[in-house]
Protein backbone atom coordinates (compact mmCIF):
# COMPACT_ATOMS: atom_id res chain seq x y z
CA MET A 1 9.11 12.61 -3.32
CA LYS A 2 11.38 10.82 -5.73
CA GLN A 3 12.21 7.15 -6.08
CA ASN A 4 15.77 7.51 -5.24
CA GLU A 5 15.03 9.47 -1.94
CA PHE A 6 12.43 7.30 -0.68
CA PHE A 7 14.45 4.04 -1.24
CA LYS A 8 17.74 5.54 0.15
CA LYS A 9 17.44 3.13 3.06
CA LYS A 10 15.30 -0.34 3.93
CA MET A 11 11.73 1.28 4.50
CA VAL A 12 8.80 0.08 6.88
CA ILE A 13 5.55 1.38 5.72
CA GLY A 14 3.00 1.39 8.37
CA MET A 15 -0.77 1.07 7.74
CA VAL A 16 -3.65 3.43 8.99
CA HIS A 17 -6.48 1.05 8.65
CA LEU A 18 -9.64 2.94 8.45
CA ASP A 19 -12.83 1.41 10.14
CA PRO A 20 -15.67 0.78 7.69
CA LEU A 21 -16.66 3.94 5.80
CA PRO A 22 -20.09 5.43 4.91
CA GLY A 23 -21.67 3.75 1.93
CA ASN A 24 -20.15 0.42 2.83
CA ALA A 25 -22.64 -2.30 4.28
CA SER A 26 -20.28 -2.50 7.58
CA TYR A 27 -20.54 1.11 8.14
CA LYS A 28 -21.62 1.73 11.88
CA GLY A 29 -22.56 5.41 11.63
CA ASN A 30 -19.38 6.45 13.52
CA LYS A 31 -17.79 9.07 11.17
CA ASP A 32 -16.09 11.01 13.88
CA GLU A 33 -14.76 8.10 15.53
CA ILE A 34 -13.46 6.65 12.19
CA ILE A 35 -11.35 10.05 11.79
CA ALA A 36 -10.34 10.09 15.51
CA ASN A 37 -8.90 6.58 15.28
CA ALA A 38 -7.08 7.09 12.09
CA VAL A 39 -5.31 10.16 13.66
CA ARG A 40 -4.57 8.26 16.80
CA ASP A 41 -2.98 5.23 14.66
CA ALA A 42 -0.98 7.56 12.64
CA HIS A 43 0.48 9.22 15.65
CA THR A 44 1.45 5.82 17.25
CA LEU A 45 2.99 4.45 13.87
CA ILE A 46 5.03 7.94 13.61
CA ASP A 47 6.29 8.20 16.98
CA CYS A 48 7.34 4.57 17.29
CA GLY A 49 9.78 4.96 14.34
CA CYS A 50 7.86 3.95 11.12
CA ASP A 51 9.53 5.18 8.15
CA ALA A 52 6.29 5.85 6.06
CA ILE A 53 2.53 5.51 6.52
CA MET A 54 -0.23 4.81 4.37
CA VAL A 55 -3.82 5.46 4.75
CA GLU A 56 -6.36 2.57 3.43
CA ASN A 57 -10.15 1.64 3.39
CA PHE A 58 -9.14 -1.69 4.80
CA SER A 59 -12.15 -2.36 6.77
CA ASP A 60 -14.78 -1.94 4.16
CA TRP A 61 -16.34 -5.29 3.40
CA PRO A 62 -17.48 -6.27 0.91
CA GLN A 63 -14.91 -4.63 -1.04
CA TYR A 64 -15.59 -2.55 -4.19
CA SER A 65 -14.11 -2.79 -7.61
CA THR A 66 -12.59 0.45 -9.17
CA GLU A 67 -14.61 2.90 -7.44
CA VAL A 68 -15.83 3.65 -3.88
CA PRO A 69 -19.09 5.54 -2.73
CA LEU A 70 -18.43 9.24 -2.53
CA GLU A 71 -19.65 9.37 0.89
CA GLY A 72 -16.92 7.07 2.03
CA TYR A 73 -14.18 8.77 -0.03
CA SER A 74 -15.10 11.89 1.57
CA VAL A 75 -14.29 10.62 4.99
CA GLN A 76 -11.17 9.11 3.84
CA LEU A 77 -10.11 12.47 2.34
CA VAL A 78 -11.00 14.00 5.65
CA ALA A 79 -8.96 11.49 7.49
CA ALA A 80 -5.93 11.57 5.26
CA ALA A 81 -5.77 15.47 5.30
CA LYS A 82 -5.76 15.63 9.07
CA ILE A 83 -2.82 13.22 9.09
CA LYS A 84 -1.11 14.70 6.38
CA GLU A 85 -1.13 18.01 8.44
CA PHE A 86 1.20 16.48 11.00
CA CYS A 87 2.98 13.84 9.17
CA PRO A 88 6.80 14.20 8.99
CA VAL A 89 7.46 11.16 6.99
CA PRO A 90 6.46 9.86 3.53
CA PHE A 91 2.68 9.60 3.12
CA GLY A 92 0.56 7.43 1.01
CA ILE A 93 -2.97 6.63 -0.14
CA ASN A 94 -4.72 3.08 -1.03
CA ILE A 95 -8.23 2.73 -1.97
CA GLU A 96 -9.27 -1.01 -2.43
CA MET A 97 -9.79 -2.43 -4.86
CA ASN A 98 -8.01 -0.68 -7.56
CA ALA A 99 -9.92 2.83 -7.34
CA TRP A 100 -6.76 4.17 -9.05
CA LYS A 101 -8.52 7.51 -10.34
CA GLN A 102 -9.99 8.21 -6.96
CA GLU A 103 -6.43 7.45 -5.37
CA TRP A 104 -4.65 9.83 -7.77
CA ILE A 105 -7.12 12.68 -7.25
CA MET A 106 -6.99 12.27 -3.48
CA ALA A 107 -2.94 12.10 -3.85
CA TYR A 108 -2.91 14.97 -6.17
CA SER A 109 -5.16 17.05 -3.54
CA LEU A 110 -2.98 16.17 -0.77
CA ASN A 111 0.55 16.19 -2.34
CA ALA A 112 0.87 12.70 -1.13
CA ASP A 113 4.23 10.84 -1.68
CA PHE A 114 2.69 7.71 -3.16
CA ILE A 115 -0.37 5.55 -3.86
CA ARG A 116 -0.54 1.81 -4.33
CA VAL A 117 -2.54 0.39 -7.25
CA GLU A 118 -3.76 -3.25 -7.10
CA ALA A 119 -3.97 -3.79 -10.87
CA PHE A 120 -1.64 -1.72 -12.71
CA VAL A 121 -0.47 -3.89 -15.41
CA ASP A 122 -2.20 -7.05 -14.86
CA ASN A 123 -6.27 -8.05 -15.00
CA ARG A 124 -7.38 -9.74 -11.75
CA ALA A 125 -10.43 -11.32 -10.43
CA GLY A 126 -11.71 -11.86 -6.92
CA SER A 127 -14.80 -11.69 -4.48
CA PHE A 128 -15.22 -7.93 -5.10
CA GLY A 129 -15.61 -8.71 -9.03
CA TYR A 130 -13.05 -7.71 -11.76
CA ILE A 131 -10.34 -5.28 -11.95
CA GLU A 132 -8.39 -4.15 -14.95
CA GLY A 133 -4.75 -2.99 -15.45
CA CYS A 134 -5.11 0.60 -15.40
CA SER A 135 -1.57 1.82 -16.40
CA THR A 136 -2.71 3.57 -19.84
CA GLY A 137 -5.65 5.44 -18.02
CA MET A 138 -3.31 6.33 -15.23
CA MET A 139 -0.78 7.94 -17.50
CA ASN A 140 -3.55 9.87 -19.04
CA LEU A 141 -4.84 11.19 -15.64
CA MET A 142 -1.40 11.92 -14.35
CA ALA A 143 -1.17 14.33 -17.65
CA GLN A 144 -4.14 16.02 -16.67
CA LEU A 145 -3.40 16.31 -12.99
CA PRO A 146 0.28 16.32 -12.75
CA SER A 147 2.00 15.54 -9.44
CA PRO A 148 5.46 14.60 -10.28
CA GLU A 149 6.44 13.91 -6.66
CA THR A 150 3.57 11.34 -6.35
CA MET A 151 5.16 7.62 -6.94
CA ILE A 152 3.16 4.53 -8.02
CA PHE A 153 3.72 1.31 -6.16
CA ALA A 154 2.26 -1.31 -8.31
CA ASP A 155 1.05 -4.59 -6.94
CA VAL A 156 1.61 -7.68 -9.29
CA HIS A 157 -0.32 -10.68 -8.55
CA THR A 158 -2.28 -8.82 -5.68
CA GLN A 159 -3.35 -11.30 -3.04
CA GLU A 160 -6.80 -12.96 -2.94
CA THR A 161 -7.12 -12.55 -6.71
CA TYR A 162 -6.60 -14.90 -9.96
CA GLY A 163 -5.15 -13.59 -12.77
CA MET A 164 -7.21 -12.90 -16.16
CA PRO A 165 -5.17 -14.49 -17.82
CA ASP A 166 -2.35 -15.88 -15.55
CA VAL A 167 0.97 -14.28 -16.22
CA PRO A 168 4.19 -15.01 -14.26
CA ILE A 169 4.72 -12.72 -11.36
CA ASN A 170 8.44 -11.87 -12.51
CA GLU A 171 7.05 -10.96 -15.94
CA LEU A 172 4.36 -8.74 -14.48
CA ALA A 173 7.10 -6.80 -12.35
CA GLY A 174 9.07 -6.15 -15.36
CA ASN A 175 5.82 -4.75 -17.16
CA ALA A 176 4.96 -2.78 -14.15
CA ARG A 177 8.66 -1.16 -14.40
CA ASN A 178 8.45 -0.65 -18.07
CA HIS A 179 5.28 1.19 -17.48
CA ASP A 180 6.64 3.70 -15.19
CA ALA A 181 5.83 2.43 -11.82
CA SER A 182 8.26 3.57 -9.00
CA ALA A 183 8.14 0.14 -7.22
CA VAL A 184 6.20 -3.15 -7.20
CA VAL A 185 4.53 -4.35 -4.45
CA VAL A 186 4.42 -8.47 -3.96
CA THR A 187 1.87 -10.37 -1.78
CA GLU A 188 1.24 -13.59 -3.58
CA ASN A 189 3.36 -15.92 -5.78
CA ASP A 190 2.34 -17.55 -8.97
CA GLN A 191 0.67 -20.45 -6.82
CA CYS A 192 -1.31 -17.91 -5.33
CA ARG A 193 0.24 -18.45 -2.19
CA ARG A 194 2.08 -15.93 0.30
CA ILE A 195 5.07 -14.68 -1.15
CA THR A 196 8.32 -16.45 0.20
CA VAL A 197 11.75 -15.06 0.72
CA GLU A 198 12.68 -17.22 -2.23
CA ASP A 199 10.33 -15.72 -4.42
CA VAL A 200 11.53 -12.03 -3.61
CA LYS A 201 15.12 -13.39 -4.18
CA SER A 202 13.85 -14.47 -7.61
CA MET A 203 12.26 -11.39 -8.40
CA ARG A 204 15.29 -9.62 -7.45
CA GLU A 205 17.59 -11.35 -9.82
CA VAL A 206 15.12 -10.42 -12.68
CA MET A 207 14.54 -6.83 -11.59
CA GLY A 208 18.10 -5.67 -10.58
CA ASP A 209 17.99 -2.51 -8.29
CA PHE A 210 14.26 -1.82 -8.92
CA PRO A 211 12.48 -1.26 -5.71
CA ILE A 212 10.73 -4.23 -4.45
CA ILE A 213 8.09 -3.92 -1.54
CA VAL A 214 6.85 -6.95 0.33
CA GLY A 215 3.28 -6.31 0.97
CA SER A 216 2.04 -8.84 3.42
CA GLY A 217 3.20 -11.57 5.63
CA VAL A 218 6.27 -9.84 7.22
CA LYS A 219 6.43 -10.58 10.88
CA PRO A 220 9.33 -9.79 13.45
CA GLU A 221 10.83 -13.30 13.04
CA ASN A 222 11.18 -13.18 9.36
CA VAL A 223 11.58 -9.41 8.42
CA LEU A 224 15.29 -9.60 8.18
CA ASP A 225 15.19 -12.24 5.85
CA TYR A 226 12.69 -10.47 3.53
CA MET A 227 14.72 -7.27 3.65
CA GLU A 228 17.71 -9.03 2.27
CA TYR A 229 16.31 -8.87 -1.19
CA ALA A 230 13.40 -6.31 -0.58
CA ASP A 231 13.62 -2.61 -0.29
CA ALA A 232 10.59 -2.03 1.81
CA VAL A 233 7.80 -4.01 3.86
CA ILE A 234 4.26 -3.02 4.54
CA VAL A 235 2.83 -3.81 7.93
CA GLY A 236 -0.79 -3.40 8.81
CA ARG A 237 -2.38 -6.04 10.91
CA GLY A 238 0.93 -7.14 12.47
CA PHE A 239 1.03 -3.73 14.48
CA LYS A 240 -2.47 -4.24 15.69
CA LYS A 241 -3.81 -5.16 19.05
CA ASP A 242 -7.36 -4.80 20.39
CA HIS A 243 -8.19 -3.05 16.81
CA LYS A 244 -5.71 -0.47 17.24
CA VAL A 245 -1.88 0.14 16.50
CA ASP A 246 -0.04 -1.18 19.47
CA PRO A 247 3.03 0.90 20.29
CA ASP A 248 4.83 -1.88 21.86
CA LEU A 249 4.42 -4.08 18.51
CA VAL A 250 5.62 -1.29 16.42
CA LYS A 251 8.79 -0.55 18.42
CA GLU A 252 9.82 -4.17 18.84
CA PHE A 253 9.44 -4.47 14.79
CA MET A 254 11.56 -1.20 14.25
CA ALA A 255 14.10 -2.39 16.74
CA ILE A 256 14.78 -5.58 14.83
CA VAL A 257 14.82 -3.67 11.42
CA ARG A 258 17.43 -0.98 12.71
CA SER A 259 19.57 -3.47 14.27
CA LYS A 260 20.69 -4.61 10.81
CA TYR A 261 19.57 -1.56 8.66
CA ASN A 262 19.93 2.02 9.83
């Protein structure tokens, strides 16, 4: 999917958060249940009006750095493939933290519309270890496995990490654009605090009409404020109740968005 086609309207990206996967310390031996839960949540997000969905190994704890175990990757691939079969909206992949090679290979295999990359043009450190900007390696991999319809949504200053070195977030956004990202994802500001509406406004002034996605902290009471300056928002835990996507929460959120943005 091309950038201008995806962002022709304000977009809400709903998250399919996978339960802990095989190979992770939190895995409970419930492979079939993981896949069934993912398919259930994807149906709920789609049926309740989300504009796009993204499948992520969100519950793996501790997190990985750059690469996930093959056994967990394989289950995520199966779940993503099953969802892709019935998904009528744009479909994306995220594998934490910054498993960019595995993301692109999965996206290439499934013809996914986008991937999310946590460290595209900046180097970050966190509890998982260290992740490096991957834009050069990504371009080489994309040349080997071309998927021109797959977009890169690049985090800048991804949450719960620290810059190595610190670079101002608006400068990172410009770097991501210059390295052929299709959009930037913002979650934390230069003070390592949740991104504010004013932060997004500041980035908009610097980035012009380049797509900006708010990746966390968006709620029914603030989504319209963020969307004044952002092109899309990502919602995960805000759609959850009792560990699954709740249709009423999704419908309430989407009704607020559509009251202003069709």
